[in-house]
PDB file of all heavy atoms in Angstrom:
ATOM      1  N   ALA A   1      78.108 140.913  32.999  1.00  0.00           N
ATOM      2  CA  ALA A   1      76.842 140.425  32.448  1.00  0.00           C
ATOM      3  C   ALA A   1      75.667 140.864  33.313  1.00  0.00           C
ATOM      4  O   ALA A   1      74.604 141.239  32.796  1.00  0.00           O
ATOM      5  CB  ALA A   1      76.880 138.906  32.332  1.00  0.00           C
ATOM      6  N   LEU A   2      75.830 140.820  34.627  1.00  0.00           N
ATOM      7  CA  LEU A   2      74.756 141.246  35.523  1.00  0.00           C
ATOM      8  C   LEU A   2      74.462 142.729  35.367  1.00  0.00           C
ATOM      9  O   LEU A   2      73.317 143.164  35.524  1.00  0.00           O
ATOM     10  CB  LEU A   2      75.135 140.931  36.978  1.00  0.00           C
ATOM     11  CG  LEU A   2      75.167 139.447  37.357  1.00  0.00           C
ATOM     12  CD1 LEU A   2      75.656 139.273  38.789  1.00  0.00           C
ATOM     13  CD2 LEU A   2      73.793 138.812  37.178  1.00  0.00           C
ATOM     14  N   ARG A   3      75.477 143.529  35.050  1.00  0.00           N
ATOM     15  CA  ARG A   3      75.270 144.962  34.819  1.00  0.00           C
ATOM     16  C   ARG A   3      74.706 145.234  33.423  1.00  0.00           C
ATOM     17  O   ARG A   3      74.293 146.351  33.133  1.00  0.00           O
ATOM     18  CB  ARG A   3      76.597 145.730  34.954  1.00  0.00           C
ATOM     19  CG  ARG A   3      77.197 145.724  36.340  1.00  0.00           C
ATOM     20  CD  ARG A   3      78.270 146.814  36.431  1.00  0.00           C
ATOM     21  NE  ARG A   3      79.213 146.751  35.320  1.00  0.00           N
ATOM     22  CZ  ARG A   3      80.391 146.143  35.361  1.00  0.00           C
ATOM     23  NH1 ARG A   3      80.771 145.517  36.481  1.00  0.00           N
ATOM     24  NH2 ARG A   3      81.198 146.148  34.314  1.00  0.00           N
ATOM     25  N   GLY A   4      74.732 144.218  32.566  1.00  0.00           N
ATOM     26  CA  GLY A   4      74.315 144.423  31.185  1.00  0.00           C
ATOM     27  C   GLY A   4      75.395 145.050  30.331  1.00  0.00           C
ATOM     28  O   GLY A   4      75.146 145.439  29.187  1.00  0.00           O
ATOM     29  N   ASP A   5      76.603 145.114  30.863  1.00  0.00           N
ATOM     30  CA  ASP A   5      77.728 145.735  30.156  1.00  0.00           C
ATOM     31  C   ASP A   5      78.545 144.651  29.460  1.00  0.00           C
ATOM     32  O   ASP A   5      79.712 144.401  29.800  1.00  0.00           O
ATOM     33  CB  ASP A   5      78.579 146.525  31.148  1.00  0.00           C
ATOM     34  CG  ASP A   5      79.709 147.292  30.469  1.00  0.00           C
ATOM     35  OD1 ASP A   5      79.634 147.464  29.228  1.00  0.00           O
ATOM     36  OD2 ASP A   5      80.653 147.697  31.169  1.00  0.00           O
ATOM     37  N   PHE A   6      77.954 144.020  28.465  1.00  0.00           N
ATOM     38  CA  PHE A   6      78.631 142.912  27.796  1.00  0.00           C
ATOM     39  C   PHE A   6      79.839 143.376  26.984  1.00  0.00           C
ATOM     40  O   PHE A   6      80.761 142.598  26.751  1.00  0.00           O
ATOM     41  CB  PHE A   6      77.645 142.166  26.885  1.00  0.00           C
ATOM     42  CG  PHE A   6      76.560 141.457  27.629  1.00  0.00           C
ATOM     43  CD1 PHE A   6      75.308 142.032  27.772  1.00  0.00           C
ATOM     44  CD2 PHE A   6      76.793 140.223  28.199  1.00  0.00           C
ATOM     45  CE1 PHE A   6      74.301 141.374  28.461  1.00  0.00           C
ATOM     46  CE2 PHE A   6      75.799 139.548  28.894  1.00  0.00           C
ATOM     47  CZ  PHE A   6      74.550 140.137  29.031  1.00  0.00           C
ATOM     48  N   GLU A   7      79.834 144.624  26.566  1.00  0.00           N
ATOM     49  CA  GLU A   7      80.967 145.115  25.788  1.00  0.00           C
ATOM     50  C   GLU A   7      82.236 145.193  26.624  1.00  0.00           C
ATOM     51  O   GLU A   7      83.340 145.268  26.060  1.00  0.00           O
ATOM     52  CB  GLU A   7      80.632 146.484  25.205  1.00  0.00           C
ATOM     53  CG  GLU A   7      79.552 146.426  24.133  1.00  0.00           C
ATOM     54  CD  GLU A   7      79.354 147.761  23.451  1.00  0.00           C
ATOM     55  OE1 GLU A   7      80.032 148.734  23.848  1.00  0.00           O
ATOM     56  OE2 GLU A   7      78.527 147.834  22.508  1.00  0.00           O
ATOM     57  N   ALA A   8      82.108 145.161  27.955  1.00  0.00           N
ATOM     58  CA  ALA A   8      83.291 145.152  28.813  1.00  0.00           C
ATOM     59  C   ALA A   8      84.110 143.883  28.607  1.00  0.00           C
ATOM     60  O   ALA A   8      85.327 143.866  28.880  1.00  0.00           O
ATOM     61  CB  ALA A   8      82.879 145.280  30.282  1.00  0.00           C
ATOM     62  N   TRP A   9      83.472 142.815  28.119  1.00  0.00           N
ATOM     63  CA  TRP A   9      84.201 141.574  27.857  1.00  0.00           C
ATOM     64  C   TRP A   9      85.334 141.799  26.869  1.00  0.00           C
ATOM     65  O   TRP A   9      86.373 141.129  26.935  1.00  0.00           O
ATOM     66  CB  TRP A   9      83.257 140.510  27.305  1.00  0.00           C
ATOM     67  CG  TRP A   9      82.235 140.023  28.283  1.00  0.00           C
ATOM     68  CD1 TRP A   9      82.061 140.444  29.578  1.00  0.00           C
ATOM     69  CD2 TRP A   9      81.231 139.033  28.048  1.00  0.00           C
ATOM     70  NE1 TRP A   9      81.016 139.775  30.155  1.00  0.00           N
ATOM     71  CE2 TRP A   9      80.488 138.900  29.250  1.00  0.00           C
ATOM     72  CE3 TRP A   9      80.887 138.261  26.957  1.00  0.00           C
ATOM     73  CZ2 TRP A   9      79.426 138.006  29.373  1.00  0.00           C
ATOM     74  CZ3 TRP A   9      79.833 137.373  27.076  1.00  0.00           C
ATOM     75  CH2 TRP A   9      79.101 137.239  28.274  1.00  0.00           C
ATOM     76  N   ASN A  10      85.157 142.736  25.951  1.00  0.00           N
ATOM     77  CA  ASN A  10      86.152 142.962  24.907  1.00  0.00           C
ATOM     78  C   ASN A  10      87.436 143.599  25.428  1.00  0.00           C
ATOM     79  O   ASN A  10      88.418 143.686  24.682  1.00  0.00           O
ATOM     80  CB  ASN A  10      85.560 143.837  23.805  1.00  0.00           C
ATOM     81  CG  ASN A  10      84.416 143.148  23.079  1.00  0.00           C
ATOM     82  OD1 ASN A  10      84.371 141.922  22.997  1.00  0.00           O
ATOM     83  ND2 ASN A  10      83.479 143.926  22.562  1.00  0.00           N
ATOM     84  N   LYS A  11      87.434 144.036  26.683  1.00  0.00           N
ATOM     85  CA  LYS A  11      88.662 144.588  27.252  1.00  0.00           C
ATOM     86  C   LYS A  11      89.744 143.521  27.382  1.00  0.00           C
ATOM     87  O   LYS A  11      90.935 143.826  27.297  1.00  0.00           O
ATOM     88  CB  LYS A  11      88.381 145.198  28.621  1.00  0.00           C
ATOM     89  CG  LYS A  11      87.469 146.414  28.587  1.00  0.00           C
ATOM     90  CD  LYS A  11      87.220 146.948  29.986  1.00  0.00           C
ATOM     91  CE  LYS A  11      86.284 148.160  29.965  1.00  0.00           C
ATOM     92  NZ  LYS A  11      86.013 148.664  31.336  1.00  0.00           N
ATOM     93  N   VAL A  12      89.326 142.284  27.616  1.00  0.00           N
ATOM     94  CA  VAL A  12      90.304 141.198  27.772  1.00  0.00           C
ATOM     95  C   VAL A  12      90.094 140.080  26.757  1.00  0.00           C
ATOM     96  O   VAL A  12      90.941 139.210  26.615  1.00  0.00           O
ATOM     97  CB  VAL A  12      90.233 140.612  29.205  1.00  0.00           C
ATOM     98  CG1 VAL A  12      90.649 141.640  30.228  1.00  0.00           C
ATOM     99  CG2 VAL A  12      88.842 140.087  29.514  1.00  0.00           C
ATOM    100  N   LEU A  13      88.968 140.106  26.053  1.00  0.00           N
ATOM    101  CA  LEU A  13      88.658 139.063  25.072  1.00  0.00           C
ATOM    102  C   LEU A  13      88.301 139.730  23.748  1.00  0.00           C
ATOM    103  O   LEU A  13      87.141 140.103  23.532  1.00  0.00           O
ATOM    104  CB  LEU A  13      87.494 138.186  25.559  1.00  0.00           C
ATOM    105  CG  LEU A  13      87.177 136.940  24.747  1.00  0.00           C
ATOM    106  CD1 LEU A  13      88.353 135.968  24.787  1.00  0.00           C
ATOM    107  CD2 LEU A  13      85.916 136.264  25.284  1.00  0.00           C
ATOM    108  N   PRO A  14      89.291 139.931  22.876  1.00  0.00           N
ATOM    109  CA  PRO A  14      89.014 140.616  21.600  1.00  0.00           C
ATOM    110  C   PRO A  14      87.914 139.912  20.815  1.00  0.00           C
ATOM    111  O   PRO A  14      87.896 138.688  20.702  1.00  0.00           O
ATOM    112  CB  PRO A  14      90.360 140.538  20.868  1.00  0.00           C
ATOM    113  CG  PRO A  14      91.379 140.381  21.960  1.00  0.00           C
ATOM    114  CD  PRO A  14      90.702 139.571  23.020  1.00  0.00           C
ATOM    115  N   HIS A  15      86.983 140.702  20.301  1.00  0.00           N
ATOM    116  CA  HIS A  15      85.854 140.187  19.527  1.00  0.00           C
ATOM    117  C   HIS A  15      84.999 139.225  20.361  1.00  0.00           C
ATOM    118  O   HIS A  15      84.348 138.333  19.820  1.00  0.00           O
ATOM    119  CB  HIS A  15      86.324 139.478  18.250  1.00  0.00           C
ATOM    120  CG  HIS A  15      87.320 140.254  17.453  1.00  0.00           C
ATOM    121  ND1 HIS A  15      87.003 141.393  16.747  1.00  0.00           N
ATOM    122  CD2 HIS A  15      88.668 140.070  17.268  1.00  0.00           C
ATOM    123  CE1 HIS A  15      88.082 141.868  16.157  1.00  0.00           C
ATOM    124  NE2 HIS A  15      89.101 141.093  16.460  1.00  0.00           N
ATOM    125  N   GLY A  16      85.023 139.417  21.689  1.00  0.00           N
ATOM    126  CA  GLY A  16      84.229 138.549  22.550  1.00  0.00           C
ATOM    127  C   GLY A  16      82.747 138.814  22.396  1.00  0.00           C
ATOM    128  O   GLY A  16      81.972 137.916  22.048  1.00  0.00           O
ATOM    129  N   TYR A  17      82.347 140.054  22.628  1.00  0.00           N
ATOM    130  CA  TYR A  17      80.946 140.433  22.465  1.00  0.00           C
ATOM    131  C   TYR A  17      80.809 141.207  21.168  1.00  0.00           C
ATOM    132  O   TYR A  17      81.473 142.220  20.946  1.00  0.00           O
ATOM    133  CB  TYR A  17      80.471 141.272  23.642  1.00  0.00           C
ATOM    134  CG  TYR A  17      79.068 141.790  23.474  1.00  0.00           C
ATOM    135  CD1 TYR A  17      77.981 140.963  23.698  1.00  0.00           C
ATOM    136  CD2 TYR A  17      78.836 143.108  23.078  1.00  0.00           C
ATOM    137  CE1 TYR A  17      76.683 141.430  23.533  1.00  0.00           C
ATOM    138  CE2 TYR A  17      77.543 143.589  22.903  1.00  0.00           C
ATOM    139  CZ  TYR A  17      76.466 142.739  23.136  1.00  0.00           C
ATOM    140  OH  TYR A  17      75.192 143.207  22.960  1.00  0.00           O
ATOM    141  N   VAL A  18      79.918 140.730  20.301  1.00  0.00           N
ATOM    142  CA  VAL A  18      79.682 141.371  19.013  1.00  0.00           C
ATOM    143  C   VAL A  18      78.235 141.841  18.979  1.00  0.00           C
ATOM    144  O   VAL A  18      77.315 141.009  18.986  1.00  0.00           O
ATOM    145  CB  VAL A  18      79.961 140.411  17.840  1.00  0.00           C
ATOM    146  CG1 VAL A  18      79.674 141.097  16.506  1.00  0.00           C
ATOM    147  CG2 VAL A  18      81.393 139.901  17.893  1.00  0.00           C
ATOM    148  N   PRO A  19      77.980 143.159  18.971  1.00  0.00           N
ATOM    149  CA  PRO A  19      76.597 143.657  18.919  1.00  0.00           C
ATOM    150  C   PRO A  19      75.842 143.110  17.718  1.00  0.00           C
ATOM    151  O   PRO A  19      76.350 143.104  16.597  1.00  0.00           O
ATOM    152  CB  PRO A  19      76.782 145.184  18.814  1.00  0.00           C
ATOM    153  CG  PRO A  19      78.130 145.445  19.414  1.00  0.00           C
ATOM    154  CD  PRO A  19      78.971 144.257  19.042  1.00  0.00           C
ATOM    155  N   GLY A  20      74.652 142.609  17.984  1.00  0.00           N
ATOM    156  CA  GLY A  20      73.819 142.071  16.913  1.00  0.00           C
ATOM    157  C   GLY A  20      73.989 140.586  16.671  1.00  0.00           C
ATOM    158  O   GLY A  20      73.125 139.956  16.046  1.00  0.00           O
ATOM    159  N   ASP A  21      75.071 140.006  17.155  1.00  0.00           N
ATOM    160  CA  ASP A  21      75.319 138.568  16.952  1.00  0.00           C
ATOM    161  C   ASP A  21      74.778 137.810  18.161  1.00  0.00           C
ATOM    162  O   ASP A  21      75.527 137.375  19.031  1.00  0.00           O
ATOM    163  CB  ASP A  21      76.813 138.318  16.762  1.00  0.00           C
ATOM    164  CG  ASP A  21      77.114 136.859  16.430  1.00  0.00           C
ATOM    165  OD1 ASP A  21      76.158 136.090  16.185  1.00  0.00           O
ATOM    166  OD2 ASP A  21      78.310 136.485  16.445  1.00  0.00           O
ATOM    167  N   THR A  22      73.461 137.664  18.198  1.00  0.00           N
ATOM    168  CA  THR A  22      72.822 137.054  19.369  1.00  0.00           C
ATOM    169  C   THR A  22      73.293 135.626  19.590  1.00  0.00           C
ATOM    170  O   THR A  22      73.614 135.232  20.721  1.00  0.00           O
ATOM    171  CB  THR A  22      71.294 137.075  19.211  1.00  0.00           C
ATOM    172  OG1 THR A  22      70.860 138.425  18.996  1.00  0.00           O
ATOM    173  CG2 THR A  22      70.619 136.515  20.453  1.00  0.00           C
ATOM    174  N   PHE A  23      73.339 134.847  18.512  1.00  0.00           N
ATOM    175  CA  PHE A  23      73.729 133.436  18.659  1.00  0.00           C
ATOM    176  C   PHE A  23      75.178 133.312  19.132  1.00  0.00           C
ATOM    177  O   PHE A  23      75.477 132.562  20.066  1.00  0.00           O
ATOM    178  CB  PHE A  23      73.550 132.708  17.324  1.00  0.00           C
ATOM    179  CG  PHE A  23      74.029 131.276  17.355  1.00  0.00           C
ATOM    180  CD1 PHE A  23      73.298 130.298  18.009  1.00  0.00           C
ATOM    181  CD2 PHE A  23      75.227 130.911  16.734  1.00  0.00           C
ATOM    182  CE1 PHE A  23      73.743 128.986  18.054  1.00  0.00           C
ATOM    183  CE2 PHE A  23      75.676 129.607  16.765  1.00  0.00           C
ATOM    184  CZ  PHE A  23      74.938 128.640  17.421  1.00  0.00           C
ATOM    185  N   GLY A  24      76.074 134.050  18.504  1.00  0.00           N
ATOM    186  CA  GLY A  24      77.480 133.976  18.887  1.00  0.00           C
ATOM    187  C   GLY A  24      77.707 134.445  20.305  1.00  0.00           C
ATOM    188  O   GLY A  24      78.497 133.850  21.056  1.00  0.00           O
ATOM    189  N   ASN A  25      77.013 135.506  20.727  1.00  0.00           N
ATOM    190  CA  ASN A  25      77.147 136.006  22.089  1.00  0.00           C
ATOM    191  C   ASN A  25      76.609 134.997  23.097  1.00  0.00           C
ATOM    192  O   ASN A  25      77.156 134.838  24.190  1.00  0.00           O
ATOM    193  CB  ASN A  25      76.414 137.338  22.236  1.00  0.00           C
ATOM    194  CG  ASN A  25      77.046 138.440  21.407  1.00  0.00           C
ATOM    195  OD1 ASN A  25      78.249 138.430  21.152  1.00  0.00           O
ATOM    196  ND2 ASN A  25      76.238 139.398  20.963  1.00  0.00           N
ATOM    197  N   LEU A  26      75.515 134.327  22.715  1.00  0.00           N
ATOM    198  CA  LEU A  26      74.943 133.311  23.593  1.00  0.00           C
ATOM    199  C   LEU A  26      75.899 132.133  23.759  1.00  0.00           C
ATOM    200  O   LEU A  26      76.087 131.621  24.867  1.00  0.00           O
ATOM    201  CB  LEU A  26      73.605 132.830  23.027  1.00  0.00           C
ATOM    202  CG  LEU A  26      72.891 131.735  23.839  1.00  0.00           C
ATOM    203  CD1 LEU A  26      72.543 132.243  25.230  1.00  0.00           C
ATOM    204  CD2 LEU A  26      71.629 131.270  23.109  1.00  0.00           C
ATOM    205  N   VAL A  27      76.525 131.710  22.653  1.00  0.00           N
ATOM    206  CA  VAL A  27      77.494 130.607  22.718  1.00  0.00           C
ATOM    207  C   VAL A  27      78.656 130.982  23.634  1.00  0.00           C
ATOM    208  O   VAL A  27      79.092 130.173  24.468  1.00  0.00           O
ATOM    209  CB  VAL A  27      78.011 130.262  21.308  1.00  0.00           C
ATOM    210  CG1 VAL A  27      79.186 129.289  21.394  1.00  0.00           C
ATOM    211  CG2 VAL A  27      76.892 129.654  20.477  1.00  0.00           C
ATOM    212  N   LEU A  28      79.139 132.213  23.508  1.00  0.00           N
ATOM    213  CA  LEU A  28      80.239 132.652  24.360  1.00  0.00           C
ATOM    214  C   LEU A  28      79.816 132.697  25.820  1.00  0.00           C
ATOM    215  O   LEU A  28      80.563 132.262  26.701  1.00  0.00           O
ATOM    216  CB  LEU A  28      80.719 134.027  23.909  1.00  0.00           C
ATOM    217  CG  LEU A  28      81.812 134.665  24.779  1.00  0.00           C
ATOM    218  CD1 LEU A  28      83.049 133.784  24.833  1.00  0.00           C
ATOM    219  CD2 LEU A  28      82.162 136.062  24.263  1.00  0.00           C
ATOM    220  N   GLY A  29      78.622 133.218  26.094  1.00  0.00           N
ATOM    221  CA  GLY A  29      78.144 133.289  27.472  1.00  0.00           C
ATOM    222  C   GLY A  29      78.010 131.913  28.104  1.00  0.00           C
ATOM    223  O   GLY A  29      78.412 131.703  29.256  1.00  0.00           O
ATOM    224  N   VAL A  30      77.451 130.973  27.346  1.00  0.00           N
ATOM    225  CA  VAL A  30      77.328 129.598  27.860  1.00  0.00           C
ATOM    226  C   VAL A  30      78.705 128.992  28.070  1.00  0.00           C
ATOM    227  O   VAL A  30      78.952 128.287  29.062  1.00  0.00           O
ATOM    228  CB  VAL A  30      76.488 128.749  26.876  1.00  0.00           C
ATOM    229  CG1 VAL A  30      76.530 127.274  27.275  1.00  0.00           C
ATOM    230  CG2 VAL A  30      75.048 129.251  26.838  1.00  0.00           C
ATOM    231  N   HIS A  31      79.614 129.266  27.158  1.00  0.00           N
ATOM    232  CA  HIS A  31      80.983 128.751  27.261  1.00  0.00           C
ATOM    233  C   HIS A  31      81.640 129.244  28.550  1.00  0.00           C
ATOM    234  O   HIS A  31      82.269 128.468  29.278  1.00  0.00           O
ATOM    235  CB  HIS A  31      81.778 129.208  26.037  1.00  0.00           C
ATOM    236  CG  HIS A  31      83.141 128.605  25.934  1.00  0.00           C
ATOM    237  ND1 HIS A  31      83.368 127.353  25.407  1.00  0.00           N
ATOM    238  CD2 HIS A  31      84.357 129.083  26.305  1.00  0.00           C
ATOM    239  CE1 HIS A  31      84.655 127.083  25.448  1.00  0.00           C
ATOM    240  NE2 HIS A  31      85.284 128.119  25.990  1.00  0.00           N
ATOM    241  N   LEU A  32      81.490 130.524  28.855  1.00  0.00           N
ATOM    242  CA  LEU A  32      82.092 131.083  30.062  1.00  0.00           C
ATOM    243  C   LEU A  32      81.427 130.532  31.322  1.00  0.00           C
ATOM    244  O   LEU A  32      82.106 130.232  32.319  1.00  0.00           O
ATOM    245  CB  LEU A  32      81.976 132.608  30.032  1.00  0.00           C
ATOM    246  CG  LEU A  32      82.821 133.326  28.971  1.00  0.00           C
ATOM    247  CD1 LEU A  32      82.437 134.802  28.903  1.00  0.00           C
ATOM    248  CD2 LEU A  32      84.304 133.168  29.277  1.00  0.00           C
ATOM    249  N   ALA A  33      80.104 130.388  31.285  1.00  0.00           N
ATOM    250  CA  ALA A  33      79.394 129.864  32.451  1.00  0.00           C
ATOM    251  C   ALA A  33      79.822 128.435  32.755  1.00  0.00           C
ATOM    252  O   ALA A  33      80.063 128.069  33.914  1.00  0.00           O
ATOM    253  CB  ALA A  33      77.882 129.941  32.217  1.00  0.00           C
ATOM    254  N   PHE A  34      79.922 127.621  31.710  1.00  0.00           N
ATOM    255  CA  PHE A  34      80.302 126.227  31.933  1.00  0.00           C
ATOM    256  C   PHE A  34      81.793 126.088  32.228  1.00  0.00           C
ATOM    257  O   PHE A  34      82.220 125.058  32.755  1.00  0.00           O
ATOM    258  CB  PHE A  34      79.900 125.366  30.735  1.00  0.00           C
ATOM    259  CG  PHE A  34      78.488 124.874  30.816  1.00  0.00           C
ATOM    260  CD1 PHE A  34      77.445 125.621  30.276  1.00  0.00           C
ATOM    261  CD2 PHE A  34      78.186 123.698  31.459  1.00  0.00           C
ATOM    262  CE1 PHE A  34      76.142 125.185  30.365  1.00  0.00           C
ATOM    263  CE2 PHE A  34      76.890 123.240  31.559  1.00  0.00           C
ATOM    264  CZ  PHE A  34      75.855 123.987  31.012  1.00  0.00           C
ATOM    265  N   ALA A  35      82.574 127.115  31.907  1.00  0.00           N
ATOM    266  CA  ALA A  35      83.973 127.097  32.322  1.00  0.00           C
ATOM    267  C   ALA A  35      84.072 127.103  33.837  1.00  0.00           C
ATOM    268  O   ALA A  35      84.940 126.435  34.432  1.00  0.00           O
ATOM    269  CB  ALA A  35      84.711 128.301  31.740  1.00  0.00           C
ATOM    270  N   ILE A  36      83.183 127.825  34.485  1.00  0.00           N
ATOM    271  CA  ILE A  36      83.138 127.828  35.947  1.00  0.00           C
ATOM    272  C   ILE A  36      82.703 126.462  36.465  1.00  0.00           C
ATOM    273  O   ILE A  36      83.303 125.895  37.384  1.00  0.00           O
ATOM    274  CB  ILE A  36      82.175 128.924  36.446  1.00  0.00           C
ATOM    275  CG1 ILE A  36      82.675 130.299  36.019  1.00  0.00           C
ATOM    276  CG2 ILE A  36      82.014 128.859  37.959  1.00  0.00           C
ATOM    277  CD1 ILE A  36      81.730 131.429  36.366  1.00  0.00           C
ATOM    278  N   VAL A  37      81.650 125.922  35.858  1.00  0.00           N
ATOM    279  CA  VAL A  37      81.109 124.633  36.298  1.00  0.00           C
ATOM    280  C   VAL A  37      82.144 123.529  36.157  1.00  0.00           C
ATOM    281  O   VAL A  37      82.364 122.730  37.075  1.00  0.00           O
ATOM    282  CB  VAL A  37      79.840 124.275  35.490  1.00  0.00           C
ATOM    283  CG1 VAL A  37      79.364 122.862  35.820  1.00  0.00           C
ATOM    284  CG2 VAL A  37      78.734 125.288  35.768  1.00  0.00           C
ATOM    285  N   ILE A  38      82.816 123.504  35.015  1.00  0.00           N
ATOM    286  CA  ILE A  38      83.733 122.398  34.756  1.00  0.00           C
ATOM    287  C   ILE A  38      85.010 122.515  35.583  1.00  0.00           C
ATOM    288  O   ILE A  38      85.613 121.510  35.984  1.00  0.00           O
ATOM    289  CB  ILE A  38      84.051 122.308  33.243  1.00  0.00           C
ATOM    290  CG1 ILE A  38      84.565 120.907  32.894  1.00  0.00           C
ATOM    291  CG2 ILE A  38      85.071 123.358  32.824  1.00  0.00           C
ATOM    292  CD1 ILE A  38      84.652 120.656  31.415  1.00  0.00           C
ATOM    293  N   THR A  39      85.434 123.747  35.874  1.00  0.00           N
ATOM    294  CA  THR A  39      86.640 123.921  36.681  1.00  0.00           C
ATOM    295  C   THR A  39      86.394 123.478  38.110  1.00  0.00           C
ATOM    296  O   THR A  39      87.210 122.757  38.705  1.00  0.00           O
ATOM    297  CB  THR A  39      87.099 125.387  36.649  1.00  0.00           C
ATOM    298  OG1 THR A  39      87.307 125.776  35.286  1.00  0.00           O
ATOM    299  CG2 THR A  39      88.392 125.570  37.418  1.00  0.00           C
ATOM    300  N   LEU A  40      85.274 123.900  38.683  1.00  0.00           N
ATOM    301  CA  LEU A  40      84.932 123.465  40.040  1.00  0.00           C
ATOM    302  C   LEU A  40      84.647 121.965  40.067  1.00  0.00           C
ATOM    303  O   LEU A  40      85.077 121.256  40.989  1.00  0.00           O
ATOM    304  CB  LEU A  40      83.713 124.244  40.541  1.00  0.00           C
ATOM    305  CG  LEU A  40      83.913 125.746  40.772  1.00  0.00           C
ATOM    306  CD1 LEU A  40      82.593 126.400  41.160  1.00  0.00           C
ATOM    307  CD2 LEU A  40      84.958 125.993  41.843  1.00  0.00           C
ATOM    308  N   GLY A  41      83.929 121.487  39.063  1.00  0.00           N
ATOM    309  CA  GLY A  41      83.597 120.068  39.020  1.00  0.00           C
ATOM    310  C   GLY A  41      84.815 119.180  38.888  1.00  0.00           C
ATOM    311  O   GLY A  41      84.873 118.101  39.482  1.00  0.00           O
ATOM    312  N   GLY A  42      85.811 119.624  38.115  1.00  0.00           N
ATOM    313  CA  GLY A  42      87.021 118.828  37.957  1.00  0.00           C
ATOM    314  C   GLY A  42      87.781 118.680  39.251  1.00  0.00           C
ATOM    315  O   GLY A  42      88.278 117.591  39.585  1.00  0.00           O
TER     316      GLY A  42
END
């Protein structure tokens, strides 16, 4: 994400990043970010 290479997500997450689907990509990004927060927090 920091490199701007969001399509690299699809190497391990099929249909993870979908070009043009801003809302869906945002939901996935927030989901991944909070996965870090919730794992450490737990």
